[in-house]
């Protein structure tokens, strides 16, 4: 089992979005993920989730695992889920991944557990 976590300032992510808009979103979210963004806290949470996932793999965001090699979605009960592309799943022998995202007092945090 591997665990990764990330903590990010919501204000920092919001400033980057305000400066670069869709160019920023397209760098790390596919179009379906972008539709799930409701506010700056959600956006920061998704950023933290992808960073946490790459840390759980032990490589960070890099040539080994990029932002678009994983997808965040929501369950029917609105819980966040993370899924890796087939290439990444094979490369890192991923059988299952779990994601938790939280935000409060200006920060967003995510934890990813990979089996």
PDB file of N, CA and C in Angstrom:
ATOM      1  N   UNK A   1       0.850  -1.177   0.000  1.00  0.00           N
ATOM      2  CA  UNK A   1       0.000   0.000   0.000  1.00  0.00           C
ATOM      3  C   UNK A   1       0.894   1.238   0.000  1.00  0.00           C
ATOM      4  N   UNK A   2       0.489   2.227  -0.789  1.00  0.00           N
ATOM      5  CA  UNK A   2       1.240   3.480  -0.881  1.00  0.00           C
ATOM      6  C   UNK A   2       0.290   4.637  -0.571  1.00  0.00           C
ATOM      7  N   UNK A   3       0.813   5.655   0.106  1.00  0.00           N
ATOM      8  CA  UNK A   3       0.004   6.812   0.505  1.00  0.00           C
ATOM      9  C   UNK A   3       0.697   8.091   0.049  1.00  0.00           C
ATOM     10  N   UNK A   4      -0.090   9.023  -0.447  1.00  0.00           N
ATOM     11  CA  UNK A   4       0.427  10.340  -0.803  1.00  0.00           C
ATOM     12  C   UNK A   4      -0.541  11.395  -0.300  1.00  0.00           C
ATOM     13  N   UNK A   5       0.010  12.543   0.089  1.00  0.00           N
ATOM     14  CA  UNK A   5      -0.861  13.645   0.519  1.00  0.00           C
ATOM     15  C   UNK A   5      -0.318  14.955  -0.037  1.00  0.00           C
ATOM     16  N   UNK A   6      -1.189  15.943  -0.132  1.00  0.00           N
ATOM     17  CA  UNK A   6      -0.782  17.261  -0.599  1.00  0.00           C
ATOM     18  C   UNK A   6      -1.673  18.305   0.040  1.00  0.00           C
ATOM     19  N   UNK A   7      -1.094  19.441   0.298  1.00  0.00           N
ATOM     20  CA  UNK A   7      -1.775  20.583   0.905  1.00  0.00           C
ATOM     21  C   UNK A   7      -1.468  21.794   0.040  1.00  0.00           C
ATOM     22  N   UNK A   8      -2.497  22.562  -0.323  1.00  0.00           N
ATOM     23  CA  UNK A   8      -2.283  23.704  -1.206  1.00  0.00           C
ATOM     24  C   UNK A   8      -3.167  24.874  -0.773  1.00  0.00           C
ATOM     25  N   UNK A   9      -2.651  26.072  -0.954  1.00  0.00           N
ATOM     26  CA  UNK A   9      -3.404  27.282  -0.668  1.00  0.00           C
ATOM     27  C   UNK A   9      -4.465  27.495  -1.739  1.00  0.00           C
ATOM     28  N   UNK A  10      -5.704  27.633  -1.330  1.00  0.00           N
ATOM     29  CA  UNK A  10      -6.798  27.882  -2.276  1.00  0.00           C
ATOM     30  C   UNK A  10      -6.560  29.207  -2.996  1.00  0.00           C
ATOM     31  N   UNK A  11      -6.124  30.208  -2.270  1.00  0.00           N
ATOM     32  CA  UNK A  11      -5.863  31.525  -2.863  1.00  0.00           C
ATOM     33  C   UNK A  11      -4.792  31.438  -3.951  1.00  0.00           C
ATOM     34  N   UNK A  12      -3.741  30.653  -3.714  1.00  0.00           N
ATOM     35  CA  UNK A  12      -2.661  30.513  -4.702  1.00  0.00           C
ATOM     36  C   UNK A  12      -3.199  29.898  -5.998  1.00  0.00           C
ATOM     37  N   UNK A  13      -3.978  28.835  -5.884  1.00  0.00           N
ATOM     38  CA  UNK A  13      -4.548  28.182  -7.065  1.00  0.00           C
ATOM     39  C   UNK A  13      -5.520  29.136  -7.765  1.00  0.00           C
ATOM     40  N   UNK A  14      -6.305  29.866  -7.004  1.00  0.00           N
ATOM     41  CA  UNK A  14      -7.246  30.823  -7.587  1.00  0.00           C
ATOM     42  C   UNK A  14      -6.513  31.911  -8.373  1.00  0.00           C
ATOM     43  N   UNK A  15      -5.396  32.414  -7.845  1.00  0.00           N
ATOM     44  CA  UNK A  15      -4.615  33.441  -8.548  1.00  0.00           C
ATOM     45  C   UNK A  15      -4.066  32.908  -9.865  1.00  0.00           C
ATOM     46  N   UNK A  16      -3.594  31.665  -9.860  1.00  0.00           N
ATOM     47  CA  UNK A  16      -3.083  31.065 -11.097  1.00  0.00           C
ATOM     48  C   UNK A  16      -4.220  30.936 -12.106  1.00  0.00           C
ATOM     49  N   UNK A  17      -5.383  30.500 -11.639  1.00  0.00           N
ATOM     50  CA  UNK A  17      -6.535  30.380 -12.534  1.00  0.00           C
ATOM     51  C   UNK A  17      -6.928  31.752 -13.094  1.00  0.00           C
ATOM     52  N   UNK A  18      -6.997  32.764 -12.251  1.00  0.00           N
ATOM     53  CA  UNK A  18      -7.382  34.100 -12.704  1.00  0.00           C
ATOM     54  C   UNK A  18      -6.407  34.650 -13.738  1.00  0.00           C
ATOM     55  N   UNK A  19      -5.155  34.269 -13.634  1.00  0.00           N
ATOM     56  CA  UNK A  19      -4.134  34.749 -14.568  1.00  0.00           C
ATOM     57  C   UNK A  19      -4.147  33.977 -15.889  1.00  0.00           C
ATOM     58  N   UNK A  20      -4.365  32.652 -15.819  1.00  0.00           N
ATOM     59  CA  UNK A  20      -4.209  31.810 -17.010  1.00  0.00           C
ATOM     60  C   UNK A  20      -5.503  31.137 -17.488  1.00  0.00           C
ATOM     61  N   UNK A  21      -6.563  31.213 -16.708  1.00  0.00           N
ATOM     62  CA  UNK A  21      -7.891  30.665 -17.056  1.00  0.00           C
ATOM     63  C   UNK A  21      -7.821  29.250 -17.623  1.00  0.00           C
ATOM     64  N   UNK A  22      -8.398  29.067 -18.808  1.00  0.00           N
ATOM     65  CA  UNK A  22      -8.536  27.708 -19.355  1.00  0.00           C
ATOM     66  C   UNK A  22      -7.200  27.065 -19.700  1.00  0.00           C
ATOM     67  N   UNK A  23      -6.174  27.841 -19.972  1.00  0.00           N
ATOM     68  CA  UNK A  23      -4.851  27.254 -20.226  1.00  0.00           C
ATOM     69  C   UNK A  23      -4.387  26.501 -18.976  1.00  0.00           C
ATOM     70  N   UNK A  24      -4.655  27.075 -17.817  1.00  0.00           N
ATOM     71  CA  UNK A  24      -4.312  26.418 -16.548  1.00  0.00           C
ATOM     72  C   UNK A  24      -5.150  25.166 -16.354  1.00  0.00           C
ATOM     73  N   UNK A  25      -6.451  25.267 -16.558  1.00  0.00           N
ATOM     74  CA  UNK A  25      -7.333  24.109 -16.387  1.00  0.00           C
ATOM     75  C   UNK A  25      -6.935  22.974 -17.329  1.00  0.00           C
ATOM     76  N   UNK A  26      -6.665  23.299 -18.579  1.00  0.00           N
ATOM     77  CA  UNK A  26      -6.325  22.284 -19.574  1.00  0.00           C
ATOM     78  C   UNK A  26      -4.997  21.595 -19.274  1.00  0.00           C
ATOM     79  N   UNK A  27      -4.156  22.243 -18.493  1.00  0.00           N
ATOM     80  CA  UNK A  27      -2.859  21.643 -18.133  1.00  0.00           C
ATOM     81  C   UNK A  27      -3.044  20.432 -17.224  1.00  0.00           C
ATOM     82  N   UNK A  28      -4.072  20.458 -16.373  1.00  0.00           N
ATOM     83  CA  UNK A  28      -4.171  19.370 -15.406  1.00  0.00           C
ATOM     84  C   UNK A  28      -5.537  18.710 -15.275  1.00  0.00           C
ATOM     85  N   UNK A  29      -6.541  19.198 -15.995  1.00  0.00           N
ATOM     86  CA  UNK A  29      -7.873  18.586 -15.922  1.00  0.00           C
ATOM     87  C   UNK A  29      -8.425  18.327 -17.320  1.00  0.00           C
ATOM     88  N   UNK A  30      -9.057  17.166 -17.492  1.00  0.00           N
ATOM     89  CA  UNK A  30      -9.747  16.947 -18.769  1.00  0.00           C
ATOM     90  C   UNK A  30     -11.095  17.680 -18.714  1.00  0.00           C
ATOM     91  N   UNK A  31     -11.823  17.671 -19.826  1.00  0.00           N
ATOM     92  CA  UNK A  31     -13.069  18.443 -19.892  1.00  0.00           C
ATOM     93  C   UNK A  31     -14.132  17.951 -18.912  1.00  0.00           C
ATOM     94  N   UNK A  32     -14.222  16.637 -18.694  1.00  0.00           N
ATOM     95  CA  UNK A  32     -15.189  16.118 -17.725  1.00  0.00           C
ATOM     96  C   UNK A  32     -14.847  16.571 -16.307  1.00  0.00           C
ATOM     97  N   UNK A  33     -13.559  16.583 -15.982  1.00  0.00           N
ATOM     98  CA  UNK A  33     -13.137  17.053 -14.655  1.00  0.00           C
ATOM     99  C   UNK A  33     -13.441  18.541 -14.495  1.00  0.00           C
ATOM    100  N   UNK A  34     -13.212  19.314 -15.540  1.00  0.00           N
ATOM    101  CA  UNK A  34     -13.454  20.756 -15.480  1.00  0.00           C
ATOM    102  C   UNK A  34     -14.918  21.064 -15.177  1.00  0.00           C
ATOM    103  N   UNK A  35     -15.819  20.225 -15.658  1.00  0.00           N
ATOM    104  CA  UNK A  35     -17.251  20.424 -15.409  1.00  0.00           C
ATOM    105  C   UNK A  35     -17.611  20.258 -13.935  1.00  0.00           C
ATOM    106  N   UNK A  36     -16.766  19.556 -13.170  1.00  0.00           N
ATOM    107  CA  UNK A  36     -17.023  19.322 -11.753  1.00  0.00           C
ATOM    108  C   UNK A  36     -16.574  20.485 -10.863  1.00  0.00           C
ATOM    109  N   UNK A  37     -15.817  21.427 -11.427  1.00  0.00           N
ATOM    110  CA  UNK A  37     -15.283  22.542 -10.644  1.00  0.00           C
ATOM    111  C   UNK A  37     -16.397  23.542 -10.358  1.00  0.00           C
ATOM    112  N   UNK A  38     -16.691  23.730  -9.081  1.00  0.00           N
ATOM    113  CA  UNK A  38     -17.767  24.637  -8.666  1.00  0.00           C
ATOM    114  C   UNK A  38     -17.246  25.966  -8.117  1.00  0.00           C
ATOM    115  N   UNK A  39     -16.017  25.937  -7.563  1.00  0.00           N
ATOM    116  CA  UNK A  39     -15.465  27.128  -6.913  1.00  0.00           C
ATOM    117  C   UNK A  39     -13.957  26.946  -6.734  1.00  0.00           C
ATOM    118  N   UNK A  40     -13.247  27.981  -6.272  1.00  0.00           N
ATOM    119  CA  UNK A  40     -11.797  27.863  -6.106  1.00  0.00           C
ATOM    120  C   UNK A  40     -11.368  26.731  -5.149  1.00  0.00           C
ATOM    121  N   UNK A  41     -12.177  26.451  -4.136  1.00  0.00           N
ATOM    122  CA  UNK A  41     -11.827  25.377  -3.202  1.00  0.00           C
ATOM    123  C   UNK A  41     -11.841  24.018  -3.897  1.00  0.00           C
ATOM    124  N   UNK A  42     -12.827  23.789  -4.748  1.00  0.00           N
ATOM    125  CA  UNK A  42     -12.893  22.541  -5.515  1.00  0.00           C
ATOM    126  C   UNK A  42     -11.690  22.431  -6.447  1.00  0.00           C
ATOM    127  N   UNK A  43     -11.367  23.516  -7.126  1.00  0.00           N
ATOM    128  CA  UNK A  43     -10.225  23.538  -8.035  1.00  0.00           C
ATOM    129  C   UNK A  43      -8.935  23.198  -7.295  1.00  0.00           C
ATOM    130  N   UNK A  44      -8.728  23.820  -6.150  1.00  0.00           N
ATOM    131  CA  UNK A  44      -7.528  23.549  -5.355  1.00  0.00           C
ATOM    132  C   UNK A  44      -7.520  22.104  -4.858  1.00  0.00           C
ATOM    133  N   UNK A  45      -8.680  21.593  -4.501  1.00  0.00           N
ATOM    134  CA  UNK A  45      -8.779  20.206  -4.058  1.00  0.00           C
ATOM    135  C   UNK A  45      -8.385  19.231  -5.147  1.00  0.00           C
ATOM    136  N   UNK A  46      -8.787  19.506  -6.380  1.00  0.00           N
ATOM    137  CA  UNK A  46      -8.423  18.637  -7.501  1.00  0.00           C
ATOM    138  C   UNK A  46      -6.914  18.706  -7.767  1.00  0.00           C
ATOM    139  N   UNK A  47      -6.351  19.899  -7.657  1.00  0.00           N
ATOM    140  CA  UNK A  47      -4.892  20.045  -7.812  1.00  0.00           C
ATOM    141  C   UNK A  47      -4.185  19.200  -6.746  1.00  0.00           C
ATOM    142  N   UNK A  48      -4.604  19.351  -5.505  1.00  0.00           N
ATOM    143  CA  UNK A  48      -3.994  18.594  -4.407  1.00  0.00           C
ATOM    144  C   UNK A  48      -4.161  17.086  -4.620  1.00  0.00           C
ATOM    145  N   UNK A  49      -5.303  16.676  -5.142  1.00  0.00           N
ATOM    146  CA  UNK A  49      -5.562  15.249  -5.366  1.00  0.00           C
ATOM    147  C   UNK A  49      -4.572  14.658  -6.366  1.00  0.00           C
ATOM    148  N   UNK A  50      -4.343  15.360  -7.450  1.00  0.00           N
ATOM    149  CA  UNK A  50      -3.425  14.834  -8.457  1.00  0.00           C
ATOM    150  C   UNK A  50      -1.979  14.859  -7.960  1.00  0.00           C
ATOM    151  N   UNK A  51      -1.630  15.881  -7.206  1.00  0.00           N
ATOM    152  CA  UNK A  51      -0.290  15.913  -6.601  1.00  0.00           C
ATOM    153  C   UNK A  51      -0.128  14.760  -5.605  1.00  0.00           C
ATOM    154  N   UNK A  52      -1.133  14.534  -4.779  1.00  0.00           N
ATOM    155  CA  UNK A  52      -1.076  13.457  -3.790  1.00  0.00           C
ATOM    156  C   UNK A  52      -0.960  12.097  -4.475  1.00  0.00           C
ATOM    157  N   UNK A  53      -1.696  11.902  -5.557  1.00  0.00           N
ATOM    158  CA  UNK A  53      -1.648  10.638  -6.283  1.00  0.00           C
ATOM    159  C   UNK A  53      -0.257  10.380  -6.848  1.00  0.00           C
ATOM    160  N   UNK A  54       0.345  11.405  -7.428  1.00  0.00           N
ATOM    161  CA  UNK A  54       1.684  11.235  -8.001  1.00  0.00           C
ATOM    162  C   UNK A  54       2.721  10.979  -6.906  1.00  0.00           C
ATOM    163  N   UNK A  55       2.513  11.566  -5.742  1.00  0.00           N
ATOM    164  CA  UNK A  55       3.415  11.314  -4.609  1.00  0.00           C
ATOM    165  C   UNK A  55       3.252   9.888  -4.096  1.00  0.00           C
ATOM    166  N   UNK A  56       2.027   9.381  -4.099  1.00  0.00           N
ATOM    167  CA  UNK A  56       1.803   7.999  -3.670  1.00  0.00           C
ATOM    168  C   UNK A  56       2.537   7.027  -4.593  1.00  0.00           C
ATOM    169  N   UNK A  57       2.669   7.392  -5.855  1.00  0.00           N
ATOM    170  CA  UNK A  57       3.399   6.560  -6.801  1.00  0.00           C
ATOM    171  C   UNK A  57       4.910   6.700  -6.641  1.00  0.00           C
ATOM    172  N   UNK A  58       5.334   7.717  -5.897  1.00  0.00           N
ATOM    173  CA  UNK A  58       6.762   7.912  -5.637  1.00  0.00           C
ATOM    174  C   UNK A  58       7.504   8.655  -6.724  1.00  0.00           C
ATOM    175  N   UNK A  59       6.773   9.305  -7.637  1.00  0.00           N
ATOM    176  CA  UNK A  59       7.451   9.990  -8.741  1.00  0.00           C
ATOM    177  C   UNK A  59       7.095  11.468  -8.851  1.00  0.00           C
ATOM    178  N   UNK A  60       6.066  11.909  -8.149  1.00  0.00           N
ATOM    179  CA  UNK A  60       5.600  13.278  -8.316  1.00  0.00           C
ATOM    180  C   UNK A  60       5.073  13.466  -9.735  1.00  0.00           C
ATOM    181  N   UNK A  61       4.621  14.661 -10.029  1.00  0.00           N
ATOM    182  CA  UNK A  61       4.192  14.963 -11.395  1.00  0.00           C
ATOM    183  C   UNK A  61       5.458  15.039 -12.242  1.00  0.00           C
ATOM    184  N   UNK A  62       5.553  14.142 -13.195  1.00  0.00           N
ATOM    185  CA  UNK A  62       6.792  14.016 -13.968  1.00  0.00           C
ATOM    186  C   UNK A  62       6.510  13.274 -15.258  1.00  0.00           C
ATOM    187  N   UNK A  63       7.569  12.927 -15.982  1.00  0.00           N
ATOM    188  CA  UNK A  63       7.402  12.152 -17.213  1.00  0.00           C
ATOM    189  C   UNK A  63       6.851  10.760 -16.911  1.00  0.00           C
ATOM    190  N   UNK A  64       6.979  10.318 -15.675  1.00  0.00           N
ATOM    191  CA  UNK A  64       6.491   8.998 -15.282  1.00  0.00           C
ATOM    192  C   UNK A  64       4.989   8.992 -14.997  1.00  0.00           C
ATOM    193  N   UNK A  65       4.464  10.134 -14.597  1.00  0.00           N
ATOM    194  CA  UNK A  65       3.033  10.257 -14.300  1.00  0.00           C
ATOM    195  C   UNK A  65       2.653  11.739 -14.377  1.00  0.00           C
ATOM    196  N   UNK A  66       1.905  12.080 -15.402  1.00  0.00           N
ATOM    197  CA  UNK A  66       1.492  13.461 -15.588  1.00  0.00           C
ATOM    198  C   UNK A  66       0.086  13.714 -15.061  1.00  0.00           C
ATOM    199  N   UNK A  67      -0.295  14.973 -15.018  1.00  0.00           N
ATOM    200  CA  UNK A  67      -1.625  15.352 -14.522  1.00  0.00           C
ATOM    201  C   UNK A  67      -2.751  14.649 -15.282  1.00  0.00           C
ATOM    202  N   UNK A  68      -2.575  14.441 -16.586  1.00  0.00           N
ATOM    203  CA  UNK A  68      -3.647  13.882 -17.386  1.00  0.00           C
ATOM    204  C   UNK A  68      -3.604  12.353 -17.454  1.00  0.00           C
ATOM    205  N   UNK A  69      -2.686  11.740 -16.700  1.00  0.00           N
ATOM    206  CA  UNK A  69      -2.624  10.284 -16.590  1.00  0.00           C
ATOM    207  C   UNK A  69      -3.577   9.762 -15.517  1.00  0.00           C
ATOM    208  N   UNK A  70      -4.304  10.660 -14.892  1.00  0.00           N
ATOM    209  CA  UNK A  70      -5.276  10.285 -13.868  1.00  0.00           C
ATOM    210  C   UNK A  70      -6.506  11.166 -14.020  1.00  0.00           C
ATOM    211  N   UNK A  71      -7.641  10.629 -13.597  1.00  0.00           N
ATOM    212  CA  UNK A  71      -8.900  11.347 -13.739  1.00  0.00           C
ATOM    213  C   UNK A  71      -9.655  11.331 -12.419  1.00  0.00           C
ATOM    214  N   UNK A  72     -10.184  12.488 -12.056  1.00  0.00           N
ATOM    215  CA  UNK A  72     -11.000  12.612 -10.853  1.00  0.00           C
ATOM    216  C   UNK A  72     -12.461  12.647 -11.274  1.00  0.00           C
ATOM    217  N   UNK A  73     -13.281  11.924 -10.559  1.00  0.00           N
ATOM    218  CA  UNK A  73     -14.721  11.936 -10.809  1.00  0.00           C
ATOM    219  C   UNK A  73     -15.435  11.914  -9.460  1.00  0.00           C
ATOM    220  N   UNK A  74     -16.737  11.830  -9.507  1.00  0.00           N
ATOM    221  CA  UNK A  74     -17.538  11.789  -8.276  1.00  0.00           C
ATOM    222  C   UNK A  74     -18.426  10.548  -8.289  1.00  0.00           C
ATOM    223  N   UNK A  75     -18.608   9.967  -7.117  1.00  0.00           N
ATOM    224  CA  UNK A  75     -19.524   8.837  -6.988  1.00  0.00           C
ATOM    225  C   UNK A  75     -20.961   9.357  -6.984  1.00  0.00           C
ATOM    226  N   UNK A  76     -21.918   8.455  -6.984  1.00  0.00           N
ATOM    227  CA  UNK A  76     -23.327   8.855  -6.920  1.00  0.00           C
ATOM    228  C   UNK A  76     -23.633   9.629  -5.645  1.00  0.00           C
ATOM    229  N   UNK A  77     -22.844   9.389  -4.603  1.00  0.00           N
ATOM    230  CA  UNK A  77     -23.032  10.093  -3.326  1.00  0.00           C
ATOM    231  C   UNK A  77     -22.123  11.314  -3.218  1.00  0.00           C
ATOM    232  N   UNK A  78     -21.501  11.715  -4.354  1.00  0.00           N
ATOM    233  CA  UNK A  78     -20.666  12.901  -4.451  1.00  0.00           C
ATOM    234  C   UNK A  78     -19.280  12.746  -3.808  1.00  0.00           C
ATOM    235  N   UNK A  79     -18.861  11.537  -3.511  1.00  0.00           N
ATOM    236  CA  UNK A  79     -17.511  11.304  -2.978  1.00  0.00           C
ATOM    237  C   UNK A  79     -16.511  11.332  -4.133  1.00  0.00           C
ATOM    238  N   UNK A  80     -15.333  11.918  -3.909  1.00  0.00           N
ATOM    239  CA  UNK A  80     -14.338  11.959  -4.988  1.00  0.00           C
ATOM    240  C   UNK A  80     -13.733  10.575  -5.249  1.00  0.00           C
ATOM    241  N   UNK A  81     -13.460  10.326  -6.535  1.00  0.00           N
ATOM    242  CA  UNK A  81     -12.815   9.081  -6.945  1.00  0.00           C
ATOM    243  C   UNK A  81     -11.652   9.433  -7.871  1.00  0.00           C
ATOM    244  N   UNK A  82     -10.645   8.580  -7.885  1.00  0.00           N
ATOM    245  CA  UNK A  82      -9.517   8.791  -8.797  1.00  0.00           C
ATOM    246  C   UNK A  82      -9.268   7.513  -9.571  1.00  0.00           C
ATOM    247  N   UNK A  83      -8.980   7.701 -10.847  1.00  0.00           N
ATOM    248  CA  UNK A  83      -8.730   6.571 -11.737  1.00  0.00           C
ATOM    249  C   UNK A  83      -7.491   6.898 -12.562  1.00  0.00           C
ATOM    250  N   UNK A  84      -6.648   5.901 -12.761  1.00  0.00           N
ATOM    251  CA  UNK A  84      -5.434   6.077 -13.549  1.00  0.00           C
ATOM    252  C   UNK A  84      -5.627   5.501 -14.944  1.00  0.00           C
ATOM    253  N   UNK A  85      -4.929   6.067 -15.932  1.00  0.00           N
ATOM    254  CA  UNK A  85      -4.994   5.529 -17.286  1.00  0.00           C
ATOM    255  C   UNK A  85      -4.370   4.130 -17.292  1.00  0.00           C
ATOM    256  N   UNK A  86      -4.693   3.349 -18.309  1.00  0.00           N
ATOM    257  CA  UNK A  86      -4.226   1.959 -18.377  1.00  0.00           C
ATOM    258  C   UNK A  86      -2.704   1.851 -18.328  1.00  0.00           C
ATOM    259  N   UNK A  87      -2.031   2.733 -19.028  1.00  0.00           N
ATOM    260  CA  UNK A  87      -0.563   2.707 -19.059  1.00  0.00           C
ATOM    261  C   UNK A  87       0.020   2.900 -17.658  1.00  0.00           C
ATOM    262  N   UNK A  88      -0.500   3.847 -16.923  1.00  0.00           N
ATOM    263  CA  UNK A  88      -0.012   4.122 -15.567  1.00  0.00           C
ATOM    264  C   UNK A  88      -0.380   2.984 -14.625  1.00  0.00           C
ATOM    265  N   UNK A  89      -1.590   2.443 -14.764  1.00  0.00           N
ATOM    266  CA  UNK A  89      -1.991   1.307 -13.927  1.00  0.00           C
ATOM    267  C   UNK A  89      -1.039   0.129 -14.104  1.00  0.00           C
ATOM    268  N   UNK A  90      -0.683  -0.165 -15.351  1.00  0.00           N
ATOM    269  CA  UNK A  90       0.245  -1.273 -15.620  1.00  0.00           C
ATOM    270  C   UNK A  90       1.637  -0.966 -15.086  1.00  0.00           C
ATOM    271  N   UNK A  91       2.118   0.227 -15.383  1.00  0.00           N
ATOM    272  CA  UNK A  91       3.484   0.619 -15.007  1.00  0.00           C
ATOM    273  C   UNK A  91       3.708   0.541 -13.496  1.00  0.00           C
ATOM    274  N   UNK A  92       2.701   0.952 -12.729  1.00  0.00           N
ATOM    275  CA  UNK A  92       2.843   1.000 -11.272  1.00  0.00           C
ATOM    276  C   UNK A  92       2.084  -0.121 -10.557  1.00  0.00           C
ATOM    277  N   UNK A  93       1.537  -1.053 -11.319  1.00  0.00           N
ATOM    278  CA  UNK A  93       0.831  -2.209 -10.757  1.00  0.00           C
ATOM    279  C   UNK A  93      -0.294  -1.781  -9.806  1.00  0.00           C
ATOM    280  N   UNK A  94      -1.098  -0.833 -10.251  1.00  0.00           N
ATOM    281  CA  UNK A  94      -2.186  -0.296  -9.428  1.00  0.00           C
ATOM    282  C   UNK A  94      -3.405  -1.207  -9.539  1.00  0.00           C
ATOM    283  N   UNK A  95      -3.864  -1.670  -8.400  1.00  0.00           N
ATOM    284  CA  UNK A  95      -5.065  -2.497  -8.363  1.00  0.00           C
ATOM    285  C   UNK A  95      -6.285  -1.680  -7.922  1.00  0.00           C
ATOM    286  N   UNK A  96      -6.060  -0.747  -7.009  1.00  0.00           N
ATOM    287  CA  UNK A  96      -7.146   0.075  -6.477  1.00  0.00           C
ATOM    288  C   UNK A  96      -6.566   1.385  -5.959  1.00  0.00           C
ATOM    289  N   UNK A  97      -7.343   2.443  -6.075  1.00  0.00           N
ATOM    290  CA  UNK A  97      -6.924   3.754  -5.552  1.00  0.00           C
ATOM    291  C   UNK A  97      -8.108   4.422  -4.869  1.00  0.00           C
ATOM    292  N   UNK A  98      -7.843   5.047  -3.739  1.00  0.00           N
ATOM    293  CA  UNK A  98      -8.874   5.780  -2.991  1.00  0.00           C
ATOM    294  C   UNK A  98      -8.417   7.216  -2.797  1.00  0.00           C
ATOM    295  N   UNK A  99      -9.380   8.126  -2.802  1.00  0.00           N
ATOM    296  CA  UNK A  99      -9.094   9.558  -2.706  1.00  0.00           C
ATOM    297  C   UNK A  99     -10.000  10.209  -1.674  1.00  0.00           C
ATOM    298  N   UNK A 100      -9.404  11.095  -0.875  1.00  0.00           N
ATOM    299  CA  UNK A 100     -10.169  11.945   0.026  1.00  0.00           C
ATOM    300  C   UNK A 100      -9.684  13.380  -0.164  1.00  0.00           C
ATOM    301  N   UNK A 101     -10.623  14.315  -0.281  1.00  0.00           N
ATOM    302  CA  UNK A 101     -10.307  15.735  -0.445  1.00  0.00           C
ATOM    303  C   UNK A 101     -11.041  16.518   0.629  1.00  0.00           C
ATOM    304  N   UNK A 102     -10.345  17.501   1.202  1.00  0.00           N
ATOM    305  CA  UNK A 102     -10.972  18.370   2.191  1.00  0.00           C
ATOM    306  C   UNK A 102     -10.453  19.787   2.001  1.00  0.00           C
ATOM    307  N   UNK A 103     -11.269  20.769   2.360  1.00  0.00           N
ATOM    308  CA  UNK A 103     -10.803  22.157   2.322  1.00  0.00           C
ATOM    309  C   UNK A 103     -11.447  22.932   3.456  1.00  0.00           C
ATOM    310  N   UNK A 104     -10.613  23.798   4.058  1.00  0.00           N
ATOM    311  CA  UNK A 104     -11.069  24.611   5.187  1.00  0.00           C
ATOM    312  C   UNK A 104     -10.043  25.708   5.441  1.00  0.00           C
ATOM    313  N   UNK A 105     -10.509  26.857   5.880  1.00  0.00           N
ATOM    314  CA  UNK A 105      -9.659  27.970   6.289  1.00  0.00           C
ATOM    315  C   UNK A 105      -8.554  28.293   5.278  1.00  0.00           C
ATOM    316  N   UNK A 106      -8.930  28.285   3.987  1.00  0.00           N
ATOM    317  CA  UNK A 106      -8.004  28.739   2.958  1.00  0.00           C
ATOM    318  C   UNK A 106      -7.056  27.704   2.401  1.00  0.00           C
ATOM    319  N   UNK A 107      -7.174  26.456   2.821  1.00  0.00           N
ATOM    320  CA  UNK A 107      -6.319  25.412   2.275  1.00  0.00           C
ATOM    321  C   UNK A 107      -7.154  24.224   1.797  1.00  0.00           C
ATOM    322  N   UNK A 108      -6.613  23.529   0.816  1.00  0.00           N
ATOM    323  CA  UNK A 108      -7.228  22.288   0.342  1.00  0.00           C
ATOM    324  C   UNK A 108      -6.210  21.182   0.560  1.00  0.00           C
ATOM    325  N   UNK A 109      -6.714  20.019   0.942  1.00  0.00           N
ATOM    326  CA  UNK A 109      -5.838  18.895   1.220  1.00  0.00           C
ATOM    327  C   UNK A 109      -6.406  17.652   0.557  1.00  0.00           C
ATOM    328  N   UNK A 110      -5.520  16.779   0.098  1.00  0.00           N
ATOM    329  CA  UNK A 110      -5.969  15.517  -0.468  1.00  0.00           C
ATOM    330  C   UNK A 110      -5.036  14.408   0.002  1.00  0.00           C
ATOM    331  N   UNK A 111      -5.629  13.227   0.164  1.00  0.00           N
ATOM    332  CA  UNK A 111      -4.886  12.017   0.514  1.00  0.00           C
ATOM    333  C   UNK A 111      -5.301  10.936  -0.475  1.00  0.00           C
ATOM    334  N   UNK A 112      -4.298  10.240  -1.019  1.00  0.00           N
ATOM    335  CA  UNK A 112      -4.554   9.146  -1.944  1.00  0.00           C
ATOM    336  C   UNK A 112      -3.886   7.887  -1.407  1.00  0.00           C
ATOM    337  N   UNK A 113      -4.631   6.794  -1.415  1.00  0.00           N
ATOM    338  CA  UNK A 113      -4.102   5.491  -1.031  1.00  0.00           C
ATOM    339  C   UNK A 113      -4.178   4.602  -2.261  1.00  0.00           C
ATOM    340  N   UNK A 114      -3.053   3.978  -2.577  1.00  0.00           N
ATOM    341  CA  UNK A 114      -2.977   3.105  -3.752  1.00  0.00           C
ATOM    342  C   UNK A 114      -2.576   1.702  -3.293  1.00  0.00           C
ATOM    343  N   UNK A 115      -3.304   0.707  -3.804  1.00  0.00           N
ATOM    344  CA  UNK A 115      -2.971  -0.690  -3.542  1.00  0.00           C
ATOM    345  C   UNK A 115      -2.501  -1.330  -4.829  1.00  0.00           C
TER     346      UNK A 115
END
